[in-house]
Amino acid sequence: MAKIILTYKLKPGVTSEAFEAWVRTTDYPAMRGLSRVASFANHRVTGLLLGDGEPGMDYIEIFDVPDLNGFVTQDMPGGVVQGIMGDFMSKVEDPKFILADEVV
């Protein structure tokens, strides 16, 4: 199962409270409603476990996607994902969309 991992910072002026309310009321229901998304969770970054400095991101999202090809070719260009992406991109900066597979 593929993992899609997003990392990003909030844009200046976007509060964590407003962003997290949007995640709970809009992002979660829409993205979790897609049949090709087995699970999806957003995580607030709180700091580094080791080392000094800032983590370089405010949030990390992790998706489990069993049918990555279907997600990319059918869900991503569809109305649900495009609507969420428009909202999302208005709230965040420097997003990185990472694909990963578990090492077993």
C-alpha atoms as a PDB file:
ATOM      1  CA  MET A   1       0.000   0.000   0.000  1.00  0.00           C
ATOM      2  CA  ALA A   2       1.389   3.369  -0.990  1.00  0.00           C
ATOM      3  CA  LYS A   3       1.740   6.180   1.487  1.00  0.00           C
ATOM      4  CA  ILE A   4       1.335   9.795   0.471  1.00  0.00           C
ATOM      5  CA  ILE A   5       3.038  12.079   2.964  1.00  0.00           C
ATOM      6  CA  LEU A   6       2.583  15.842   2.870  1.00  0.00           C
ATOM      7  CA  THR A   7       4.665  18.324   4.828  1.00  0.00           C
ATOM      8  CA  TYR A   8       4.025  22.058   4.889  1.00  0.00           C
ATOM      9  CA  LYS A   9       3.915  25.312   6.830  1.00  0.00           C
ATOM     10  CA  LEU A  10       0.892  27.540   7.290  1.00  0.00           C
ATOM     11  CA  LYS A  11       0.884  30.798   5.354  1.00  0.00           C
ATOM     12  CA  PRO A  12       1.371  33.961   7.397  1.00  0.00           C
ATOM     13  CA  GLY A  13      -1.970  35.052   8.810  1.00  0.00           C
ATOM     14  CA  VAL A  14      -3.462  31.529   8.854  1.00  0.00           C
ATOM     15  CA  THR A  15      -3.899  30.475  12.471  1.00  0.00           C
ATOM     16  CA  SER A  16      -3.524  26.882  13.584  1.00  0.00           C
ATOM     17  CA  GLU A  17      -6.991  27.093  15.167  1.00  0.00           C
ATOM     18  CA  ALA A  18      -8.663  28.130  11.902  1.00  0.00           C
ATOM     19  CA  PHE A  19      -6.657  25.620   9.872  1.00  0.00           C
ATOM     20  CA  GLU A  20      -7.416  22.717  12.207  1.00  0.00           C
ATOM     21  CA  ALA A  21     -11.119  23.602  12.208  1.00  0.00           C
ATOM     22  CA  TRP A  22     -11.022  23.423   8.383  1.00  0.00           C
ATOM     23  CA  VAL A  23      -9.230  20.054   8.580  1.00  0.00           C
ATOM     24  CA  ARG A  24     -11.901  18.623  10.897  1.00  0.00           C
ATOM     25  CA  THR A  25     -14.960  20.020   9.110  1.00  0.00           C
ATOM     26  CA  THR A  26     -13.900  19.954   5.455  1.00  0.00           C
ATOM     27  CA  ASP A  27     -10.642  18.134   4.702  1.00  0.00           C
ATOM     28  CA  TYR A  28     -11.205  14.978   6.761  1.00  0.00           C
ATOM     29  CA  PRO A  29     -14.772  14.303   5.561  1.00  0.00           C
ATOM     30  CA  ALA A  30     -13.907  14.902   1.905  1.00  0.00           C
ATOM     31  CA  MET A  31     -10.653  12.972   1.697  1.00  0.00           C
ATOM     32  CA  ARG A  32     -11.730  10.155   4.018  1.00  0.00           C
ATOM     33  CA  GLY A  33     -14.824   9.771   1.849  1.00  0.00           C
ATOM     34  CA  LEU A  34     -12.769   8.717  -1.176  1.00  0.00           C
ATOM     35  CA  SER A  35     -12.874   4.957  -1.701  1.00  0.00           C
ATOM     36  CA  ARG A  36      -9.174   4.831  -2.625  1.00  0.00           C
ATOM     37  CA  VAL A  37      -8.089   6.430   0.661  1.00  0.00           C
ATOM     38  CA  ALA A  38      -7.833   3.682   3.286  1.00  0.00           C
ATOM     39  CA  SER A  39      -6.782   6.129   6.000  1.00  0.00           C
ATOM     40  CA  PHE A  40      -5.812   9.769   6.342  1.00  0.00           C
ATOM     41  CA  ALA A  41      -4.593  11.724   9.361  1.00  0.00           C
ATOM     42  CA  ASN A  42      -3.154  15.185   9.815  1.00  0.00           C
ATOM     43  CA  HIS A  43      -0.487  15.708  12.486  1.00  0.00           C
ATOM     44  CA  ARG A  44       0.560  18.997  14.103  1.00  0.00           C
ATOM     45  CA  VAL A  45       4.355  19.135  14.413  1.00  0.00           C
ATOM     46  CA  THR A  46       5.345  20.029  17.974  1.00  0.00           C
ATOM     47  CA  GLY A  47       9.136  19.975  17.800  1.00  0.00           C
ATOM     48  CA  LEU A  48      12.246  17.902  17.236  1.00  0.00           C
ATOM     49  CA  LEU A  49      13.001  14.806  19.277  1.00  0.00           C
ATOM     50  CA  LEU A  50      16.748  15.205  18.709  1.00  0.00           C
ATOM     51  CA  GLY A  51      18.809  18.232  17.784  1.00  0.00           C
ATOM     52  CA  ASP A  52      18.306  21.947  17.966  1.00  0.00           C
ATOM     53  CA  GLY A  53      16.340  24.334  15.816  1.00  0.00           C
ATOM     54  CA  GLU A  54      12.974  24.252  14.152  1.00  0.00           C
ATOM     55  CA  PRO A  55      11.489  21.238  12.363  1.00  0.00           C
ATOM     56  CA  GLY A  56      10.887  23.221   9.167  1.00  0.00           C
ATOM     57  CA  MET A  57       7.213  22.260   8.903  1.00  0.00           C
ATOM     58  CA  ASP A  58       4.010  22.888  10.825  1.00  0.00           C
ATOM     59  CA  TYR A  59       1.993  19.822   9.768  1.00  0.00           C
ATOM     60  CA  ILE A  60       2.435  16.335   8.343  1.00  0.00           C
ATOM     61  CA  GLU A  61      -0.365  14.459   6.593  1.00  0.00           C
ATOM     62  CA  ILE A  62      -0.208  10.718   6.030  1.00  0.00           C
ATOM     63  CA  PHE A  63      -2.477   8.898   3.586  1.00  0.00           C
ATOM     64  CA  ASP A  64      -2.696   5.130   3.049  1.00  0.00           C
ATOM     65  CA  VAL A  65      -3.685   4.566  -0.577  1.00  0.00           C
ATOM     66  CA  PRO A  66      -4.091   0.960  -1.760  1.00  0.00           C
ATOM     67  CA  ASP A  67      -4.740   1.971  -5.405  1.00  0.00           C
ATOM     68  CA  LEU A  68      -2.264   4.757  -6.125  1.00  0.00           C
ATOM     69  CA  ASN A  69      -2.811   4.646  -9.888  1.00  0.00           C
ATOM     70  CA  GLY A  70      -6.573   5.025  -9.470  1.00  0.00           C
ATOM     71  CA  PHE A  71      -6.093   7.799  -6.933  1.00  0.00           C
ATOM     72  CA  VAL A  72      -3.736   9.720  -9.246  1.00  0.00           C
ATOM     73  CA  THR A  73      -5.665   9.180 -12.491  1.00  0.00           C
ATOM     74  CA  GLN A  74      -9.244   9.376 -11.224  1.00  0.00           C
ATOM     75  CA  ASP A  75      -9.477  10.968  -7.768  1.00  0.00           C
ATOM     76  CA  MET A  76      -6.847  13.693  -8.098  1.00  0.00           C
ATOM     77  CA  PRO A  77      -8.378  15.331 -11.191  1.00  0.00           C
ATOM     78  CA  GLY A  78     -11.906  14.931  -9.762  1.00  0.00           C
ATOM     79  CA  GLY A  79     -14.033  17.591  -8.145  1.00  0.00           C
ATOM     80  CA  VAL A  80     -13.553  16.474  -4.536  1.00  0.00           C
ATOM     81  CA  VAL A  81      -9.754  16.545  -4.564  1.00  0.00           C
ATOM     82  CA  GLN A  82      -9.538  19.648  -6.751  1.00  0.00           C
ATOM     83  CA  GLY A  83     -11.901  21.534  -4.433  1.00  0.00           C
ATOM     84  CA  ILE A  84      -9.916  20.523  -1.351  1.00  0.00           C
ATOM     85  CA  MET A  85      -6.615  21.342  -3.076  1.00  0.00           C
ATOM     86  CA  GLY A  86      -7.809  24.852  -3.887  1.00  0.00           C
ATOM     87  CA  ASP A  87      -8.714  25.474  -0.244  1.00  0.00           C
ATOM     88  CA  PHE A  88      -5.546  23.761   0.989  1.00  0.00           C
ATOM     89  CA  MET A  89      -3.177  25.745  -1.244  1.00  0.00           C
ATOM     90  CA  SER A  90      -4.737  29.015  -0.058  1.00  0.00           C
ATOM     91  CA  LYS A  91      -3.766  28.123   3.535  1.00  0.00           C
ATOM     92  CA  VAL A  92      -0.286  26.568   3.248  1.00  0.00           C
ATOM     93  CA  GLU A  93       3.140  27.285   1.812  1.00  0.00           C
ATOM     94  CA  ASP A  94       6.011  25.086   0.677  1.00  0.00           C
ATOM     95  CA  PRO A  95       3.998  21.853   0.483  1.00  0.00           C
ATOM     96  CA  LYS A  96       5.917  18.704  -0.347  1.00  0.00           C
ATOM     97  CA  PHE A  97       3.991  15.706  -1.673  1.00  0.00           C
ATOM     98  CA  ILE A  98       6.025  12.563  -0.965  1.00  0.00           C
ATOM     99  CA  LEU A  99       5.338   8.996  -2.123  1.00  0.00           C
ATOM    100  CA  ALA A 100       6.614   6.168   0.065  1.00  0.00           C
ATOM    101  CA  ASP A 101       6.355   2.404   0.421  1.00  0.00           C
ATOM    102  CA  GLU A 102       6.880   0.539   3.667  1.00  0.00           C
ATOM    103  CA  VAL A 103      10.042  -1.529   3.909  1.00  0.00           C
ATOM    104  CA  VAL A 104       8.988  -5.061   4.851  1.00  0.00           C
END
